[in-house]
């Protein structure tokens, strides 16, 4: 028999639709550039920036600002804590799906 379901164990920070998309993408494509994340999530610059800041404050992602040639470039990395939180999140969601 599966363990008792406790929805309080689901990470609300990750569970938001856009942050979920960011975390899912970064779990397989870290680092990703800011424009790449805009393209993959279909969101605006401002909205993506807001949600990345929330994930960064939780230490789930790290933003690296630099240049590619003469153009500014921001790369977003999934941190070790972010990967662990992602794995925990997936485990909690699997509990929801168990019969």
N, C-alpha and C. Protein backbone atom coordinates (compact mmCIF):
# COMPACT_ATOMS: atom_id res chain seq x y z
N UNK A 1 0.84 -1.17 0.00
CA UNK A 1 0.00 0.00 0.00
C UNK A 1 0.89 1.24 0.00
N UNK A 2 0.48 2.28 -0.71
CA UNK A 2 1.30 3.48 -0.81
C UNK A 2 1.22 4.31 0.46
N UNK A 3 2.21 5.19 0.62
CA UNK A 3 2.21 6.06 1.80
C UNK A 3 1.06 7.05 1.71
N UNK A 4 0.68 7.58 2.85
CA UNK A 4 -0.45 8.50 2.91
C UNK A 4 -0.13 9.79 2.16
N UNK A 5 -1.10 10.25 1.41
CA UNK A 5 -0.93 11.46 0.62
C UNK A 5 -1.03 12.68 1.51
N UNK A 6 -0.06 13.57 1.39
CA UNK A 6 -0.08 14.83 2.10
C UNK A 6 0.25 15.92 1.08
N UNK A 7 -0.76 16.64 0.62
CA UNK A 7 -0.51 17.64 -0.43
C UNK A 7 0.36 18.79 0.06
N UNK A 8 0.52 18.93 1.36
CA UNK A 8 1.43 19.95 1.89
C UNK A 8 2.88 19.63 1.55
N UNK A 9 3.17 18.39 1.15
CA UNK A 9 4.53 18.00 0.78
C UNK A 9 4.89 18.42 -0.64
N UNK A 10 3.91 18.91 -1.40
CA UNK A 10 4.18 19.36 -2.77
C UNK A 10 4.75 20.77 -2.71
N UNK A 11 5.90 20.97 -3.31
CA UNK A 11 6.60 22.25 -3.29
C UNK A 11 5.82 23.28 -4.11
N UNK A 12 5.18 24.23 -3.42
CA UNK A 12 4.39 25.27 -4.10
C UNK A 12 5.24 26.14 -5.01
N UNK A 13 6.50 26.33 -4.67
CA UNK A 13 7.37 27.16 -5.49
C UNK A 13 7.56 26.53 -6.87
N UNK A 14 7.73 25.25 -6.91
CA UNK A 14 7.90 24.56 -8.20
C UNK A 14 6.56 24.36 -8.89
N UNK A 15 5.51 24.16 -8.13
CA UNK A 15 4.22 23.76 -8.69
C UNK A 15 3.55 24.82 -9.56
N UNK A 16 3.95 26.09 -9.43
CA UNK A 16 3.41 27.11 -10.32
C UNK A 16 3.71 26.76 -11.76
N UNK A 17 2.77 27.00 -12.66
CA UNK A 17 2.87 26.53 -14.04
C UNK A 17 4.17 26.95 -14.74
N UNK A 18 4.52 28.21 -14.68
CA UNK A 18 5.73 28.66 -15.37
C UNK A 18 6.99 28.14 -14.68
N UNK A 19 7.01 28.17 -13.36
CA UNK A 19 8.19 27.66 -12.65
C UNK A 19 8.34 26.16 -12.86
N UNK A 20 7.23 25.45 -12.97
CA UNK A 20 7.27 24.01 -13.28
C UNK A 20 7.93 23.80 -14.64
N UNK A 21 7.54 24.60 -15.62
CA UNK A 21 8.14 24.50 -16.95
C UNK A 21 9.62 24.81 -16.95
N UNK A 22 10.00 25.84 -16.19
CA UNK A 22 11.41 26.21 -16.09
C UNK A 22 12.22 25.06 -15.48
N UNK A 23 11.73 24.54 -14.36
CA UNK A 23 12.44 23.46 -13.68
C UNK A 23 12.52 22.21 -14.55
N UNK A 24 11.43 21.88 -15.22
CA UNK A 24 11.43 20.70 -16.08
C UNK A 24 12.45 20.84 -17.20
N UNK A 25 12.47 22.01 -17.82
CA UNK A 25 13.41 22.22 -18.91
C UNK A 25 14.85 22.19 -18.42
N UNK A 26 15.10 22.90 -17.31
CA UNK A 26 16.47 22.94 -16.80
C UNK A 26 16.95 21.59 -16.29
N UNK A 27 16.03 20.72 -15.92
CA UNK A 27 16.44 19.40 -15.43
C UNK A 27 17.11 18.58 -16.53
N UNK A 28 16.88 18.96 -17.78
CA UNK A 28 17.51 18.24 -18.88
C UNK A 28 18.42 19.11 -19.74
N UNK A 29 18.33 20.43 -19.58
CA UNK A 29 19.08 21.33 -20.47
C UNK A 29 19.82 22.43 -19.71
N UNK A 30 20.33 22.13 -18.54
CA UNK A 30 21.02 23.16 -17.76
C UNK A 30 22.48 23.22 -18.17
N UNK A 31 23.04 24.39 -18.47
CA UNK A 31 22.39 25.69 -18.41
C UNK A 31 21.60 25.99 -19.68
N UNK A 32 20.67 26.91 -19.54
CA UNK A 32 19.89 27.39 -20.68
C UNK A 32 20.00 28.90 -20.71
N UNK A 33 19.99 29.45 -21.91
CA UNK A 33 20.06 30.91 -22.03
C UNK A 33 18.67 31.50 -21.77
N UNK A 34 18.66 32.76 -21.40
CA UNK A 34 17.41 33.47 -21.14
C UNK A 34 16.49 33.42 -22.36
N UNK A 35 16.98 33.75 -23.58
CA UNK A 35 16.11 33.67 -24.75
C UNK A 35 15.59 32.25 -25.03
N UNK A 36 16.41 31.25 -24.74
CA UNK A 36 16.00 29.86 -24.92
C UNK A 36 14.82 29.54 -24.00
N UNK A 37 14.88 30.00 -22.74
CA UNK A 37 13.79 29.77 -21.80
C UNK A 37 12.52 30.52 -22.21
N UNK A 38 12.69 31.72 -22.75
CA UNK A 38 11.52 32.46 -23.25
C UNK A 38 10.85 31.66 -24.36
N UNK A 39 11.67 31.15 -25.27
CA UNK A 39 11.14 30.36 -26.38
C UNK A 39 10.45 29.08 -25.90
N UNK A 40 11.07 28.37 -24.99
CA UNK A 40 10.53 27.09 -24.52
C UNK A 40 9.29 27.25 -23.66
N UNK A 41 9.20 28.36 -22.90
CA UNK A 41 8.04 28.55 -22.01
C UNK A 41 6.95 29.41 -22.63
N UNK A 42 7.28 30.16 -23.68
CA UNK A 42 6.29 31.00 -24.33
C UNK A 42 5.85 32.18 -23.48
N UNK A 43 6.69 32.65 -22.61
CA UNK A 43 6.34 33.76 -21.73
C UNK A 43 7.09 35.03 -22.14
N UNK A 44 6.84 36.10 -21.42
CA UNK A 44 7.49 37.38 -21.69
C UNK A 44 8.80 37.50 -20.90
N UNK A 45 9.62 38.46 -21.29
CA UNK A 45 10.88 38.72 -20.58
C UNK A 45 10.61 39.01 -19.10
N UNK A 46 9.67 39.92 -18.85
CA UNK A 46 9.39 40.34 -17.47
C UNK A 46 8.86 39.20 -16.62
N UNK A 47 7.95 38.40 -17.18
CA UNK A 47 7.37 37.28 -16.44
C UNK A 47 8.43 36.24 -16.13
N UNK A 48 9.27 35.93 -17.11
CA UNK A 48 10.33 34.95 -16.88
C UNK A 48 11.30 35.46 -15.82
N UNK A 49 11.66 36.72 -15.91
CA UNK A 49 12.58 37.31 -14.95
C UNK A 49 12.02 37.23 -13.53
N UNK A 50 10.75 37.52 -13.37
CA UNK A 50 10.10 37.47 -12.05
C UNK A 50 10.16 36.07 -11.47
N UNK A 51 9.84 35.06 -12.28
CA UNK A 51 9.82 33.69 -11.78
C UNK A 51 11.22 33.13 -11.56
N UNK A 52 12.18 33.55 -12.38
CA UNK A 52 13.56 33.13 -12.14
C UNK A 52 14.08 33.70 -10.83
N UNK A 53 13.68 34.93 -10.52
CA UNK A 53 14.10 35.54 -9.25
C UNK A 53 13.56 34.74 -8.07
N UNK A 54 12.32 34.29 -8.15
CA UNK A 54 11.74 33.47 -7.08
C UNK A 54 12.51 32.17 -6.93
N UNK A 55 12.84 31.53 -8.03
CA UNK A 55 13.59 30.28 -7.98
C UNK A 55 15.02 30.52 -7.48
N UNK A 56 15.59 31.65 -7.85
CA UNK A 56 16.95 31.98 -7.42
C UNK A 56 16.98 32.25 -5.91
N UNK A 57 15.99 32.93 -5.38
CA UNK A 57 15.94 33.20 -3.94
C UNK A 57 15.85 31.90 -3.14
N UNK A 58 15.25 30.87 -3.73
CA UNK A 58 15.16 29.57 -3.07
C UNK A 58 16.41 28.72 -3.32
N UNK A 59 17.36 29.26 -4.07
CA UNK A 59 18.60 28.56 -4.43
C UNK A 59 18.33 27.36 -5.34
N UNK A 60 17.25 27.42 -6.13
CA UNK A 60 16.95 26.35 -7.08
C UNK A 60 17.65 26.59 -8.41
N UNK A 61 17.88 27.85 -8.75
CA UNK A 61 18.60 28.19 -9.98
C UNK A 61 19.65 29.24 -9.66
N UNK A 62 20.61 29.35 -10.56
CA UNK A 62 21.65 30.37 -10.48
C UNK A 62 21.75 31.04 -11.83
N UNK A 63 21.74 32.37 -11.83
CA UNK A 63 21.87 33.11 -13.08
C UNK A 63 23.32 33.58 -13.24
N UNK A 64 23.85 33.36 -14.41
CA UNK A 64 25.22 33.75 -14.73
C UNK A 64 25.16 34.78 -15.86
N UNK A 65 25.56 35.99 -15.53
CA UNK A 65 25.52 37.07 -16.52
C UNK A 65 26.91 37.28 -17.09
N UNK A 66 26.95 37.40 -18.40
CA UNK A 66 28.22 37.59 -19.08
C UNK A 66 27.98 38.11 -20.48
N UNK A 67 28.91 37.85 -21.35
CA UNK A 67 28.80 38.30 -22.73
C UNK A 67 29.12 37.16 -23.68
N UNK A 68 28.44 37.18 -24.80
CA UNK A 68 28.74 36.28 -25.91
C UNK A 68 29.14 37.22 -27.04
N UNK A 69 30.44 37.31 -27.28
CA UNK A 69 30.93 38.36 -28.18
C UNK A 69 30.72 39.69 -27.49
N UNK A 70 30.04 40.60 -28.16
CA UNK A 70 29.77 41.92 -27.57
C UNK A 70 28.35 42.02 -27.00
N UNK A 71 27.60 40.94 -27.09
CA UNK A 71 26.20 40.96 -26.63
C UNK A 71 26.09 40.36 -25.24
N UNK A 72 25.26 40.97 -24.38
CA UNK A 72 25.04 40.40 -23.05
C UNK A 72 24.35 39.04 -23.15
N UNK A 73 24.69 38.16 -22.25
CA UNK A 73 24.07 36.83 -22.24
C UNK A 73 23.86 36.41 -20.78
N UNK A 74 22.67 35.89 -20.52
CA UNK A 74 22.36 35.33 -19.20
C UNK A 74 22.12 33.84 -19.37
N UNK A 75 22.87 33.05 -18.60
CA UNK A 75 22.68 31.61 -18.57
C UNK A 75 22.05 31.25 -17.24
N UNK A 76 21.09 30.34 -17.27
CA UNK A 76 20.42 29.90 -16.05
C UNK A 76 20.81 28.45 -15.81
N UNK A 77 21.33 28.21 -14.60
CA UNK A 77 21.78 26.88 -14.19
C UNK A 77 20.85 26.33 -13.13
N UNK A 78 20.54 25.06 -13.20
CA UNK A 78 19.84 24.37 -12.12
C UNK A 78 20.89 24.03 -11.06
N UNK A 79 20.67 24.45 -9.82
CA UNK A 79 21.64 24.18 -8.75
C UNK A 79 21.45 22.76 -8.22
N UNK A 80 22.39 22.34 -7.39
CA UNK A 80 22.25 21.03 -6.73
C UNK A 80 20.98 21.00 -5.88
N UNK A 81 20.75 22.07 -5.13
CA UNK A 81 19.52 22.15 -4.31
C UNK A 81 18.27 22.14 -5.20
N UNK A 82 18.37 22.78 -6.36
CA UNK A 82 17.25 22.78 -7.30
C UNK A 82 16.96 21.40 -7.86
N UNK A 83 18.02 20.67 -8.19
CA UNK A 83 17.84 19.31 -8.71
C UNK A 83 17.23 18.41 -7.64
N UNK A 84 17.69 18.55 -6.39
CA UNK A 84 17.12 17.76 -5.30
C UNK A 84 15.65 18.11 -5.07
N UNK A 85 15.33 19.40 -5.12
CA UNK A 85 13.94 19.83 -4.95
C UNK A 85 13.07 19.30 -6.10
N UNK A 86 13.62 19.28 -7.31
CA UNK A 86 12.90 18.77 -8.47
C UNK A 86 12.61 17.27 -8.30
N UNK A 87 13.59 16.52 -7.87
CA UNK A 87 13.41 15.08 -7.65
C UNK A 87 12.37 14.83 -6.56
N UNK A 88 12.45 15.59 -5.47
CA UNK A 88 11.45 15.47 -4.40
C UNK A 88 10.06 15.80 -4.91
N UNK A 89 9.97 16.87 -5.71
CA UNK A 89 8.68 17.27 -6.29
C UNK A 89 8.10 16.13 -7.13
N UNK A 90 8.92 15.54 -7.99
CA UNK A 90 8.45 14.45 -8.84
C UNK A 90 7.99 13.25 -8.01
N UNK A 91 8.69 12.96 -6.93
CA UNK A 91 8.30 11.85 -6.06
C UNK A 91 6.93 12.12 -5.43
N UNK A 92 6.69 13.35 -5.01
CA UNK A 92 5.39 13.69 -4.42
C UNK A 92 4.27 13.61 -5.45
N UNK A 93 4.54 14.03 -6.67
CA UNK A 93 3.54 13.94 -7.73
C UNK A 93 3.24 12.47 -8.06
N UNK A 94 4.28 11.65 -8.05
CA UNK A 94 4.07 10.21 -8.31
C UNK A 94 3.13 9.61 -7.26
N UNK A 95 3.24 10.06 -6.01
CA UNK A 95 2.33 9.58 -4.96
C UNK A 95 0.88 9.87 -5.31
N UNK A 96 0.64 11.02 -5.94
CA UNK A 96 -0.71 11.38 -6.35
C UNK A 96 -1.25 10.43 -7.42
N UNK A 97 -0.33 9.93 -8.25
CA UNK A 97 -0.72 9.10 -9.38
C UNK A 97 -0.82 7.61 -9.07
N UNK A 98 -0.30 7.22 -7.91
CA UNK A 98 -0.36 5.81 -7.53
C UNK A 98 -1.80 5.40 -7.27
N UNK A 99 -2.16 4.16 -7.66
CA UNK A 99 -3.52 3.68 -7.40
C UNK A 99 -3.76 3.46 -5.91
